[in-house]
Amino acid sequence: LTFKSAFSDEELKIYHDAQPHLLTDVVGATYDQFTKPVDVTV
C-alpha cells in the first residue's frame, strides 16, 4: 500500500480517523503529517 491511500471516501470527503482509514492495524503504522521532501533519501 502506498502513500495517499485510504485517505478519502468515494465523495472525496477525508476520513476523520487515523490514516490510512480502516487499515492502520493491517499496516501496523499511521501518520498525521506530510511534506515535500528536500534532500531526503532512504
PDB file of all heavy atoms in Angstrom:
ATOM      1  N   LEU A   1       0.859  -1.184   0.000  1.00  0.00           N
ATOM      2  CA  LEU A   1       0.000   0.000   0.000  1.00  0.00           C
ATOM      3  C   LEU A   1       0.892   1.230   0.000  1.00  0.00           C
ATOM      4  O   LEU A   1       1.848   1.306   0.777  1.00  0.00           O
ATOM      5  CB  LEU A   1      -0.882  -0.004   1.251  1.00  0.00           C
ATOM      6  CG  LEU A   1      -1.942   1.093   1.376  1.00  0.00           C
ATOM      7  CD1 LEU A   1      -3.060   0.878   0.357  1.00  0.00           C
ATOM      8  CD2 LEU A   1      -2.506   1.115   2.797  1.00  0.00           C
ATOM      9  N   THR A   2       0.603   2.182  -0.888  1.00  0.00           N
ATOM     10  CA  THR A   2       1.463   3.366  -0.947  1.00  0.00           C
ATOM     11  C   THR A   2       0.790   4.575  -0.302  1.00  0.00           C
ATOM     12  O   THR A   2      -0.393   4.552   0.029  1.00  0.00           O
ATOM     13  CB  THR A   2       1.839   3.747  -2.392  1.00  0.00           C
ATOM     14  OG1 THR A   2       0.786   4.541  -2.977  1.00  0.00           O
ATOM     15  CG2 THR A   2       2.102   2.531  -3.256  1.00  0.00           C
ATOM     16  N   PHE A   3       1.582   5.609  -0.170  1.00  0.00           N
ATOM     17  CA  PHE A   3       1.129   6.913   0.317  1.00  0.00           C
ATOM     18  C   PHE A   3      -0.139   7.370  -0.404  1.00  0.00           C
ATOM     19  O   PHE A   3      -0.439   6.934  -1.505  1.00  0.00           O
ATOM     20  CB  PHE A   3       2.235   7.950   0.136  1.00  0.00           C
ATOM     21  CG  PHE A   3       2.685   8.139  -1.291  1.00  0.00           C
ATOM     22  CD1 PHE A   3       2.135   9.121  -2.086  1.00  0.00           C
ATOM     23  CD2 PHE A   3       3.658   7.317  -1.847  1.00  0.00           C
ATOM     24  CE1 PHE A   3       2.524   9.297  -3.402  1.00  0.00           C
ATOM     25  CE2 PHE A   3       4.065   7.482  -3.164  1.00  0.00           C
ATOM     26  CZ  PHE A   3       3.490   8.467  -3.942  1.00  0.00           C
ATOM     27  N   LYS A   4      -0.871   8.266   0.247  1.00  0.00           N
ATOM     28  CA  LYS A   4      -2.103   8.846  -0.314  1.00  0.00           C
ATOM     29  C   LYS A   4      -3.185   7.786  -0.549  1.00  0.00           C
ATOM     30  O   LYS A   4      -4.035   7.941  -1.429  1.00  0.00           O
ATOM     31  CB  LYS A   4      -1.820   9.588  -1.619  1.00  0.00           C
ATOM     32  CG  LYS A   4      -1.278  11.001  -1.432  1.00  0.00           C
ATOM     33  CD  LYS A   4      -2.366  11.946  -0.944  1.00  0.00           C
ATOM     34  CE  LYS A   4      -1.881  13.380  -0.911  1.00  0.00           C
ATOM     35  NZ  LYS A   4      -2.940  14.313  -0.481  1.00  0.00           N
ATOM     36  N   SER A   5      -3.163   6.717   0.236  1.00  0.00           N
ATOM     37  CA  SER A   5      -4.190   5.685   0.108  1.00  0.00           C
ATOM     38  C   SER A   5      -5.123   5.715   1.309  1.00  0.00           C
ATOM     39  O   SER A   5      -4.723   6.085   2.413  1.00  0.00           O
ATOM     40  CB  SER A   5      -3.548   4.294   0.006  1.00  0.00           C
ATOM     41  OG  SER A   5      -2.903   4.119  -1.234  1.00  0.00           O
ATOM     42  N   ALA A   6      -6.379   5.304   1.073  1.00  0.00           N
ATOM     43  CA  ALA A   6      -7.398   5.242   2.126  1.00  0.00           C
ATOM     44  C   ALA A   6      -7.511   6.578   2.848  1.00  0.00           C
ATOM     45  O   ALA A   6      -7.692   6.630   4.062  1.00  0.00           O
ATOM     46  CB  ALA A   6      -7.069   4.117   3.111  1.00  0.00           C
ATOM     47  N   PHE A   7      -7.449   7.648   2.089  1.00  0.00           N
ATOM     48  CA  PHE A   7      -7.450   9.000   2.665  1.00  0.00           C
ATOM     49  C   PHE A   7      -8.841   9.614   2.664  1.00  0.00           C
ATOM     50  O   PHE A   7      -9.234  10.291   3.600  1.00  0.00           O
ATOM     51  CB  PHE A   7      -6.476   9.883   1.876  1.00  0.00           C
ATOM     52  CG  PHE A   7      -6.030  11.111   2.623  1.00  0.00           C
ATOM     53  CD1 PHE A   7      -4.971  11.043   3.510  1.00  0.00           C
ATOM     54  CD2 PHE A   7      -6.666  12.323   2.440  1.00  0.00           C
ATOM     55  CE1 PHE A   7      -4.547  12.170   4.209  1.00  0.00           C
ATOM     56  CE2 PHE A   7      -6.267  13.449   3.131  1.00  0.00           C
ATOM     57  CZ  PHE A   7      -5.207  13.381   4.021  1.00  0.00           C
ATOM     58  N   SER A   8      -9.604   9.376   1.596  1.00  0.00           N
ATOM     59  CA  SER A   8     -10.946   9.967   1.489  1.00  0.00           C
ATOM     60  C   SER A   8     -11.941   8.917   1.006  1.00  0.00           C
ATOM     61  O   SER A   8     -11.550   7.882   0.454  1.00  0.00           O
ATOM     62  CB  SER A   8     -10.933  11.166   0.532  1.00  0.00           C
ATOM     63  OG  SER A   8     -10.741  10.729  -0.805  1.00  0.00           O
ATOM     64  N   ASP A   9     -13.229   9.216   1.197  1.00  0.00           N
ATOM     65  CA  ASP A   9     -14.259   8.272   0.744  1.00  0.00           C
ATOM     66  C   ASP A   9     -14.570   8.492  -0.726  1.00  0.00           C
ATOM     67  O   ASP A   9     -13.888   9.261  -1.419  1.00  0.00           O
ATOM     68  CB  ASP A   9     -15.509   8.387   1.622  1.00  0.00           C
ATOM     69  CG  ASP A   9     -16.225   9.734   1.484  1.00  0.00           C
ATOM     70  OD1 ASP A   9     -15.936  10.493   0.519  1.00  0.00           O
ATOM     71  OD2 ASP A   9     -17.072  10.038   2.345  1.00  0.00           O
ATOM     72  N   GLU A  10     -15.638   7.832  -1.215  1.00  0.00           N
ATOM     73  CA  GLU A  10     -15.958   7.911  -2.647  1.00  0.00           C
ATOM     74  C   GLU A  10     -16.453   9.282  -3.081  1.00  0.00           C
ATOM     75  O   GLU A  10     -16.537   9.571  -4.279  1.00  0.00           O
ATOM     76  CB  GLU A  10     -16.965   6.827  -3.029  1.00  0.00           C
ATOM     77  CG  GLU A  10     -18.217   6.796  -2.198  1.00  0.00           C
ATOM     78  CD  GLU A  10     -18.121   5.890  -0.983  1.00  0.00           C
ATOM     79  OE1 GLU A  10     -17.173   6.055  -0.194  1.00  0.00           O
ATOM     80  OE2 GLU A  10     -19.001   5.020  -0.819  1.00  0.00           O
ATOM     81  N   GLU A  11     -16.786  10.167  -2.123  1.00  0.00           N
ATOM     82  CA  GLU A  11     -17.174  11.548  -2.428  1.00  0.00           C
ATOM     83  C   GLU A  11     -16.018  12.513  -2.188  1.00  0.00           C
ATOM     84  O   GLU A  11     -16.208  13.721  -2.173  1.00  0.00           O
ATOM     85  CB  GLU A  11     -18.389  11.944  -1.581  1.00  0.00           C
ATOM     86  CG  GLU A  11     -19.608  11.053  -1.768  1.00  0.00           C
ATOM     87  CD  GLU A  11     -20.180  11.149  -3.167  1.00  0.00           C
ATOM     88  OE1 GLU A  11     -19.978  12.196  -3.823  1.00  0.00           O
ATOM     89  OE2 GLU A  11     -20.818  10.172  -3.616  1.00  0.00           O
ATOM     90  N   LEU A  12     -14.824  11.979  -1.954  1.00  0.00           N
ATOM     91  CA  LEU A  12     -13.606  12.740  -1.681  1.00  0.00           C
ATOM     92  C   LEU A  12     -13.651  13.476  -0.343  1.00  0.00           C
ATOM     93  O   LEU A  12     -12.905  14.431  -0.123  1.00  0.00           O
ATOM     94  CB  LEU A  12     -13.277  13.731  -2.817  1.00  0.00           C
ATOM     95  CG  LEU A  12     -13.069  13.122  -4.203  1.00  0.00           C
ATOM     96  CD1 LEU A  12     -12.636  14.178  -5.205  1.00  0.00           C
ATOM     97  CD2 LEU A  12     -12.054  11.983  -4.159  1.00  0.00           C
ATOM     98  N   LYS A  13     -14.526  13.042   0.564  1.00  0.00           N
ATOM     99  CA  LYS A  13     -14.532  13.571   1.922  1.00  0.00           C
ATOM    100  C   LYS A  13     -13.469  12.826   2.720  1.00  0.00           C
ATOM    101  O   LYS A  13     -13.462  11.593   2.772  1.00  0.00           O
ATOM    102  CB  LYS A  13     -15.897  13.390   2.579  1.00  0.00           C
ATOM    103  CG  LYS A  13     -15.952  13.899   4.009  1.00  0.00           C
ATOM    104  CD  LYS A  13     -17.325  13.672   4.632  1.00  0.00           C
ATOM    105  CE  LYS A  13     -17.352  14.163   6.076  1.00  0.00           C
ATOM    106  NZ  LYS A  13     -18.687  13.937   6.707  1.00  0.00           N
ATOM    107  N   ILE A  14     -12.581  13.569   3.359  1.00  0.00           N
ATOM    108  CA  ILE A  14     -11.463  12.955   4.078  1.00  0.00           C
ATOM    109  C   ILE A  14     -11.981  12.251   5.331  1.00  0.00           C
ATOM    110  O   ILE A  14     -12.772  12.806   6.102  1.00  0.00           O
ATOM    111  CB  ILE A  14     -10.414  14.025   4.444  1.00  0.00           C
ATOM    112  CG1 ILE A  14      -9.809  14.606   3.152  1.00  0.00           C
ATOM    113  CG2 ILE A  14      -9.319  13.425   5.318  1.00  0.00           C
ATOM    114  CD1 ILE A  14      -8.908  15.796   3.382  1.00  0.00           C
ATOM    115  N   TYR A  15     -11.531  11.015   5.504  1.00  0.00           N
ATOM    116  CA  TYR A  15     -11.902  10.269   6.705  1.00  0.00           C
ATOM    117  C   TYR A  15     -11.351  10.969   7.944  1.00  0.00           C
ATOM    118  O   TYR A  15     -10.252  11.528   7.922  1.00  0.00           O
ATOM    119  CB  TYR A  15     -11.369   8.836   6.617  1.00  0.00           C
ATOM    120  CG  TYR A  15     -12.107   7.973   5.620  1.00  0.00           C
ATOM    121  CD1 TYR A  15     -11.474   7.492   4.468  1.00  0.00           C
ATOM    122  CD2 TYR A  15     -13.439   7.615   5.816  1.00  0.00           C
ATOM    123  CE1 TYR A  15     -12.151   6.685   3.558  1.00  0.00           C
ATOM    124  CE2 TYR A  15     -14.121   6.813   4.913  1.00  0.00           C
ATOM    125  CZ  TYR A  15     -13.475   6.351   3.793  1.00  0.00           C
ATOM    126  OH  TYR A  15     -14.151   5.550   2.883  1.00  0.00           O
ATOM    127  N   HIS A  16     -12.109  10.915   9.035  1.00  0.00           N
ATOM    128  CA  HIS A  16     -11.757  11.720  10.200  1.00  0.00           C
ATOM    129  C   HIS A  16     -11.025  10.924  11.279  1.00  0.00           C
ATOM    130  O   HIS A  16     -10.851  11.413  12.403  1.00  0.00           O
ATOM    131  CB  HIS A  16     -13.017  12.358  10.804  1.00  0.00           C
ATOM    132  CG  HIS A  16     -14.032  11.351  11.281  1.00  0.00           C
ATOM    133  ND1 HIS A  16     -15.033  10.878  10.471  1.00  0.00           N
ATOM    134  CD2 HIS A  16     -14.167  10.722  12.475  1.00  0.00           C
ATOM    135  CE1 HIS A  16     -15.766  10.004  11.151  1.00  0.00           C
ATOM    136  NE2 HIS A  16     -15.267   9.890  12.369  1.00  0.00           N
ATOM    137  N   ASP A  17     -10.591   9.689  10.968  1.00  0.00           N
ATOM    138  CA  ASP A  17      -9.809   8.935  11.945  1.00  0.00           C
ATOM    139  C   ASP A  17      -8.375   8.785  11.442  1.00  0.00           C
ATOM    140  O   ASP A  17      -7.968   9.436  10.482  1.00  0.00           O
ATOM    141  CB  ASP A  17     -10.463   7.575  12.194  1.00  0.00           C
ATOM    142  CG  ASP A  17     -10.579   6.749  10.917  1.00  0.00           C
ATOM    143  OD1 ASP A  17     -10.450   7.343   9.824  1.00  0.00           O
ATOM    144  OD2 ASP A  17     -10.790   5.529  11.005  1.00  0.00           O
ATOM    145  N   ALA A  18      -7.598   7.940  12.130  1.00  0.00           N
ATOM    146  CA  ALA A  18      -6.190   7.787  11.790  1.00  0.00           C
ATOM    147  C   ALA A  18      -6.026   7.231  10.376  1.00  0.00           C
ATOM    148  O   ALA A  18      -6.782   6.364   9.935  1.00  0.00           O
ATOM    149  CB  ALA A  18      -5.507   6.868  12.797  1.00  0.00           C
ATOM    150  N   GLN A  19      -5.031   7.753   9.682  1.00  0.00           N
ATOM    151  CA  GLN A  19      -4.731   7.311   8.328  1.00  0.00           C
ATOM    152  C   GLN A  19      -3.707   6.177   8.361  1.00  0.00           C
ATOM    153  O   GLN A  19      -2.819   6.180   9.206  1.00  0.00           O
ATOM    154  CB  GLN A  19      -4.185   8.478   7.502  1.00  0.00           C
ATOM    155  CG  GLN A  19      -5.080   9.683   7.433  1.00  0.00           C
ATOM    156  CD  GLN A  19      -6.335   9.449   6.605  1.00  0.00           C
ATOM    157  OE1 GLN A  19      -6.447   8.434   5.912  1.00  0.00           O
ATOM    158  NE2 GLN A  19      -7.268  10.373   6.669  1.00  0.00           N
ATOM    159  N   PRO A  20      -3.787   5.225   7.428  1.00  0.00           N
ATOM    160  CA  PRO A  20      -4.809   5.043   6.397  1.00  0.00           C
ATOM    161  C   PRO A  20      -6.083   4.427   6.976  1.00  0.00           C
ATOM    162  O   PRO A  20      -6.017   3.468   7.736  1.00  0.00           O
ATOM    163  CB  PRO A  20      -4.141   4.100   5.396  1.00  0.00           C
ATOM    164  CG  PRO A  20      -3.154   3.319   6.216  1.00  0.00           C
ATOM    165  CD  PRO A  20      -2.686   4.247   7.292  1.00  0.00           C
ATOM    166  N   HIS A  21      -7.211   4.968   6.616  1.00  0.00           N
ATOM    167  CA  HIS A  21      -8.508   4.613   7.183  1.00  0.00           C
ATOM    168  C   HIS A  21      -8.777   3.108   7.100  1.00  0.00           C
ATOM    169  O   HIS A  21      -8.608   2.488   6.048  1.00  0.00           O
ATOM    170  CB  HIS A  21      -9.604   5.379   6.448  1.00  0.00           C
ATOM    171  CG  HIS A  21     -10.995   5.094   6.935  1.00  0.00           C
ATOM    172  ND1 HIS A  21     -11.395   5.372   8.223  1.00  0.00           N
ATOM    173  CD2 HIS A  21     -12.070   4.545   6.313  1.00  0.00           C
ATOM    174  CE1 HIS A  21     -12.667   5.030   8.369  1.00  0.00           C
ATOM    175  NE2 HIS A  21     -13.096   4.519   7.225  1.00  0.00           N
ATOM    176  N   LEU A  22      -9.157   2.523   8.224  1.00  0.00           N
ATOM    177  CA  LEU A  22      -9.503   1.108   8.368  1.00  0.00           C
ATOM    178  C   LEU A  22      -8.328   0.158   8.146  1.00  0.00           C
ATOM    179  O   LEU A  22      -8.502  -1.060   8.227  1.00  0.00           O
ATOM    180  CB  LEU A  22     -10.641   0.702   7.415  1.00  0.00           C
ATOM    181  CG  LEU A  22     -12.027   1.276   7.698  1.00  0.00           C
ATOM    182  CD1 LEU A  22     -13.037   0.673   6.730  1.00  0.00           C
ATOM    183  CD2 LEU A  22     -12.460   1.015   9.141  1.00  0.00           C
ATOM    184  N   LEU A  23      -7.150   0.696   7.893  1.00  0.00           N
ATOM    185  CA  LEU A  23      -6.017  -0.181   7.584  1.00  0.00           C
ATOM    186  C   LEU A  23      -4.819   0.043   8.500  1.00  0.00           C
ATOM    187  O   LEU A  23      -3.760  -0.548   8.276  1.00  0.00           O
ATOM    188  CB  LEU A  23      -5.581   0.012   6.118  1.00  0.00           C
ATOM    189  CG  LEU A  23      -6.602  -0.373   5.040  1.00  0.00           C
ATOM    190  CD1 LEU A  23      -6.075  -0.043   3.656  1.00  0.00           C
ATOM    191  CD2 LEU A  23      -6.988  -1.847   5.133  1.00  0.00           C
ATOM    192  N   THR A  24      -4.959   0.885   9.512  1.00  0.00           N
ATOM    193  CA  THR A  24      -3.806   1.157  10.384  1.00  0.00           C
ATOM    194  C   THR A  24      -3.321  -0.107  11.084  1.00  0.00           C
ATOM    195  O   THR A  24      -2.117  -0.306  11.251  1.00  0.00           O
ATOM    196  CB  THR A  24      -4.150   2.230  11.425  1.00  0.00           C
ATOM    197  OG1 THR A  24      -5.345   1.846  12.128  1.00  0.00           O
ATOM    198  CG2 THR A  24      -4.378   3.577  10.760  1.00  0.00           C
ATOM    199  N   ASP A  25      -4.253  -0.977  11.495  1.00  0.00           N
ATOM    200  CA  ASP A  25      -3.828  -2.208  12.166  1.00  0.00           C
ATOM    201  C   ASP A  25      -3.251  -3.203  11.168  1.00  0.00           C
ATOM    202  O   ASP A  25      -2.397  -4.028  11.523  1.00  0.00           O
ATOM    203  CB  ASP A  25      -4.991  -2.832  12.932  1.00  0.00           C
ATOM    204  CG  ASP A  25      -6.182  -3.155  12.045  1.00  0.00           C
ATOM    205  OD1 ASP A  25      -6.387  -2.448  11.040  1.00  0.00           O
ATOM    206  OD2 ASP A  25      -6.929  -4.112  12.347  1.00  0.00           O
ATOM    207  N   VAL A  26      -3.705  -3.136   9.920  1.00  0.00           N
ATOM    208  CA  VAL A  26      -3.179  -4.042   8.890  1.00  0.00           C
ATOM    209  C   VAL A  26      -1.723  -3.700   8.580  1.00  0.00           C
ATOM    210  O   VAL A  26      -0.860  -4.583   8.500  1.00  0.00           O
ATOM    211  CB  VAL A  26      -4.031  -3.972   7.606  1.00  0.00           C
ATOM    212  CG1 VAL A  26      -3.432  -4.858   6.518  1.00  0.00           C
ATOM    213  CG2 VAL A  26      -5.460  -4.391   7.903  1.00  0.00           C
ATOM    214  N   VAL A  27      -1.434  -2.403   8.383  1.00  0.00           N
ATOM    215  CA  VAL A  27      -0.060  -1.993   8.078  1.00  0.00           C
ATOM    216  C   VAL A  27       0.761  -1.783   9.352  1.00  0.00           C
ATOM    217  O   VAL A  27       1.994  -1.678   9.282  1.00  0.00           O
ATOM    218  CB  VAL A  27      -0.030  -0.718   7.204  1.00  0.00           C
ATOM    219  CG1 VAL A  27      -0.744  -0.953   5.895  1.00  0.00           C
ATOM    220  CG2 VAL A  27      -0.620   0.478   7.938  1.00  0.00           C
ATOM    221  N   GLY A  28       0.090  -1.684  10.512  1.00  0.00           N
ATOM    222  CA  GLY A  28       0.801  -1.522  11.776  1.00  0.00           C
ATOM    223  C   GLY A  28       1.459  -0.176  11.940  1.00  0.00           C
ATOM    224  O   GLY A  28       2.456  -0.038  12.663  1.00  0.00           O
ATOM    225  N   ALA A  29       0.906   0.851  11.293  1.00  0.00           N
ATOM    226  CA  ALA A  29       1.507   2.184  11.347  1.00  0.00           C
ATOM    227  C   ALA A  29       0.452   3.228  11.008  1.00  0.00           C
ATOM    228  O   ALA A  29      -0.619   2.907  10.477  1.00  0.00           O
ATOM    229  CB  ALA A  29       2.688   2.285  10.380  1.00  0.00           C
ATOM    230  N   THR A  30       0.786   4.485  11.300  1.00  0.00           N
ATOM    231  CA  THR A  30      -0.101   5.592  10.960  1.00  0.00           C
ATOM    232  C   THR A  30       0.735   6.857  10.762  1.00  0.00           C
ATOM    233  O   THR A  30       1.964   6.840  10.935  1.00  0.00           O
ATOM    234  CB  THR A  30      -1.163   5.806  12.058  1.00  0.00           C
ATOM    235  OG1 THR A  30      -2.104   6.789  11.617  1.00  0.00           O
ATOM    236  CG2 THR A  30      -0.527   6.284  13.358  1.00  0.00           C
ATOM    237  N   TYR A  31       0.063   7.947  10.401  1.00  0.00           N
ATOM    238  CA  TYR A  31       0.737   9.238  10.231  1.00  0.00           C
ATOM    239  C   TYR A  31      -0.304  10.334  10.301  1.00  0.00           C
ATOM    240  O   TYR A  31      -1.502  10.102  10.084  1.00  0.00           O
ATOM    241  CB  TYR A  31       1.484   9.299   8.897  1.00  0.00           C
ATOM    242  CG  TYR A  31       0.565   9.325   7.693  1.00  0.00           C
ATOM    243  CD1 TYR A  31       0.166  10.531   7.116  1.00  0.00           C
ATOM    244  CD2 TYR A  31       0.064   8.150   7.142  1.00  0.00           C
ATOM    245  CE1 TYR A  31      -0.705  10.559   6.029  1.00  0.00           C
ATOM    246  CE2 TYR A  31      -0.794   8.162   6.070  1.00  0.00           C
ATOM    247  CZ  TYR A  31      -1.178   9.373   5.513  1.00  0.00           C
ATOM    248  OH  TYR A  31      -2.048   9.394   4.455  1.00  0.00           O
ATOM    249  N   ASP A  32       0.128  11.547  10.608  1.00  0.00           N
ATOM    250  CA  ASP A  32      -0.778  12.696  10.542  1.00  0.00           C
ATOM    251  C   ASP A  32      -0.083  13.935   9.988  1.00  0.00           C
ATOM    252  O   ASP A  32      -0.662  15.017   9.944  1.00  0.00           O
ATOM    253  CB  ASP A  32      -1.399  13.005  11.911  1.00  0.00           C
ATOM    254  CG  ASP A  32      -0.362  13.255  12.994  1.00  0.00           C
ATOM    255  OD1 ASP A  32       0.777  13.642  12.664  1.00  0.00           O
ATOM    256  OD2 ASP A  32      -0.698  13.055  14.172  1.00  0.00           O
ATOM    257  N   GLN A  33       1.182  13.758   9.559  1.00  0.00           N
ATOM    258  CA  GLN A  33       1.918  14.863   8.953  1.00  0.00           C
ATOM    259  C   GLN A  33       2.571  14.385   7.655  1.00  0.00           C
ATOM    260  O   GLN A  33       2.910  13.210   7.502  1.00  0.00           O
ATOM    261  CB  GLN A  33       3.000  15.394   9.897  1.00  0.00           C
ATOM    262  CG  GLN A  33       2.449  16.132  11.113  1.00  0.00           C
ATOM    263  CD  GLN A  33       3.567  16.696  11.963  1.00  0.00           C
ATOM    264  OE1 GLN A  33       4.527  16.002  12.297  1.00  0.00           O
ATOM    265  NE2 GLN A  33       3.455  17.965  12.309  1.00  0.00           N
ATOM    266  N   PHE A  34       2.730  15.331   6.736  1.00  0.00           N
ATOM    267  CA  PHE A  34       3.378  15.035   5.462  1.00  0.00           C
ATOM    268  C   PHE A  34       3.980  16.322   4.935  1.00  0.00           C
ATOM    269  O   PHE A  34       3.593  17.419   5.345  1.00  0.00           O
ATOM    270  CB  PHE A  34       2.380  14.455   4.449  1.00  0.00           C
ATOM    271  CG  PHE A  34       0.990  15.045   4.545  1.00  0.00           C
ATOM    272  CD1 PHE A  34       0.683  16.255   3.963  1.00  0.00           C
ATOM    273  CD2 PHE A  34      -0.003  14.367   5.241  1.00  0.00           C
ATOM    274  CE1 PHE A  34      -0.590  16.791   4.063  1.00  0.00           C
ATOM    275  CE2 PHE A  34      -1.286  14.885   5.340  1.00  0.00           C
ATOM    276  CZ  PHE A  34      -1.584  16.102   4.758  1.00  0.00           C
ATOM    277  N   THR A  35       4.935  16.195   4.012  1.00  0.00           N
ATOM    278  CA  THR A  35       5.603  17.380   3.496  1.00  0.00           C
ATOM    279  C   THR A  35       6.239  17.078   2.146  1.00  0.00           C
ATOM    280  O   THR A  35       6.244  15.932   1.681  1.00  0.00           O
ATOM    281  CB  THR A  35       6.684  17.873   4.485  1.00  0.00           C
ATOM    282  OG1 THR A  35       7.154  19.170   4.082  1.00  0.00           O
ATOM    283  CG2 THR A  35       7.869  16.920   4.533  1.00  0.00           C
ATOM    284  N   LYS A  36       6.767  18.117   1.519  1.00  0.00           N
ATOM    285  CA  LYS A  36       7.539  17.964   0.290  1.00  0.00           C
ATOM    286  C   LYS A  36       8.986  17.696   0.669  1.00  0.00           C
ATOM    287  O   LYS A  36       9.612  18.501   1.367  1.00  0.00           O
ATOM    288  CB  LYS A  36       7.446  19.227  -0.567  1.00  0.00           C
ATOM    289  CG  LYS A  36       8.273  19.167  -1.844  1.00  0.00           C
ATOM    290  CD  LYS A  36       8.182  20.474  -2.626  1.00  0.00           C
ATOM    291  CE  LYS A  36       9.052  20.438  -3.884  1.00  0.00           C
ATOM    292  NZ  LYS A  36       8.973  21.708  -4.644  1.00  0.00           N
ATOM    293  N   PRO A  37       9.554  16.578   0.247  1.00  0.00           N
ATOM    294  CA  PRO A  37      10.925  16.251   0.638  1.00  0.00           C
ATOM    295  C   PRO A  37      11.959  17.115  -0.079  1.00  0.00           C
ATOM    296  O   PRO A  37      11.838  17.387  -1.274  1.00  0.00           O
ATOM    297  CB  PRO A  37      11.067  14.786   0.237  1.00  0.00           C
ATOM    298  CG  PRO A  37      10.060  14.588  -0.847  1.00  0.00           C
ATOM    299  CD  PRO A  37       8.920  15.516  -0.554  1.00  0.00           C
ATOM    300  N   VAL A  38      12.958  17.540   0.653  1.00  0.00           N
ATOM    301  CA  VAL A  38      14.100  18.272   0.108  1.00  0.00           C
ATOM    302  C   VAL A  38      15.361  17.594   0.641  1.00  0.00           C
ATOM    303  O   VAL A  38      15.568  17.517   1.856  1.00  0.00           O
ATOM    304  CB  VAL A  38      14.081  19.753   0.511  1.00  0.00           C
ATOM    305  CG1 VAL A  38      15.323  20.467  -0.032  1.00  0.00           C
ATOM    306  CG2 VAL A  38      12.815  20.439   0.013  1.00  0.00           C
ATOM    307  N   ASP A  39      16.175  17.085  -0.273  1.00  0.00           N
ATOM    308  CA  ASP A  39      17.411  16.383   0.102  1.00  0.00           C
ATOM    309  C   ASP A  39      17.127  15.229   1.058  1.00  0.00           C
ATOM    310  O   ASP A  39      17.765  15.087   2.113  1.00  0.00           O
ATOM    311  CB  ASP A  39      18.425  17.354   0.721  1.00  0.00           C
ATOM    312  CG  ASP A  39      18.856  18.439  -0.240  1.00  0.00           C
ATOM    313  OD1 ASP A  39      18.929  18.155  -1.446  1.00  0.00           O
ATOM    314  OD2 ASP A  39      19.101  19.573   0.209  1.00  0.00           O
ATOM    315  N   VAL A  40      16.164  14.392   0.690  1.00  0.00           N
ATOM    316  CA  VAL A  40      15.780  13.252   1.507  1.00  0.00           C
ATOM    317  C   VAL A  40      16.083  11.965   0.745  1.00  0.00           C
ATOM    318  O   VAL A  40      15.806  11.866  -0.452  1.00  0.00           O
ATOM    319  CB  VAL A  40      14.280  13.295   1.872  1.00  0.00           C
ATOM    320  CG1 VAL A  40      13.898  12.073   2.711  1.00  0.00           C
ATOM    321  CG2 VAL A  40      13.945  14.574   2.620  1.00  0.00           C
ATOM    322  N   THR A  41      16.644  10.995   1.444  1.00  0.00           N
ATOM    323  CA  THR A  41      16.878   9.676   0.866  1.00  0.00           C
ATOM    324  C   THR A  41      16.398   8.613   1.845  1.00  0.00           C
ATOM    325  O   THR A  41      16.161   8.891   3.026  1.00  0.00           O
ATOM    326  CB  THR A  41      18.368   9.433   0.558  1.00  0.00           C
ATOM    327  OG1 THR A  41      19.126   9.516   1.769  1.00  0.00           O
ATOM    328  CG2 THR A  41      18.893  10.460  -0.446  1.00  0.00           C
ATOM    329  N   VAL A  42      16.265   7.400   1.326  1.00  0.00           N
ATOM    330  CA  VAL A  42      16.041   6.235   2.179  1.00  0.00           C
ATOM    331  C   VAL A  42      17.081   5.198   1.797  1.00  0.00           C
ATOM    332  O   VAL A  42      17.576   5.161   0.663  1.00  0.00           O
ATOM    333  CB  VAL A  42      14.620   5.656   2.035  1.00  0.00           C
ATOM    334  CG1 VAL A  42      13.573   6.679   2.409  1.00  0.00           C
ATOM    335  CG2 VAL A  42      14.375   5.129   0.622  1.00  0.00           C
TER     336      VAL A  42
END
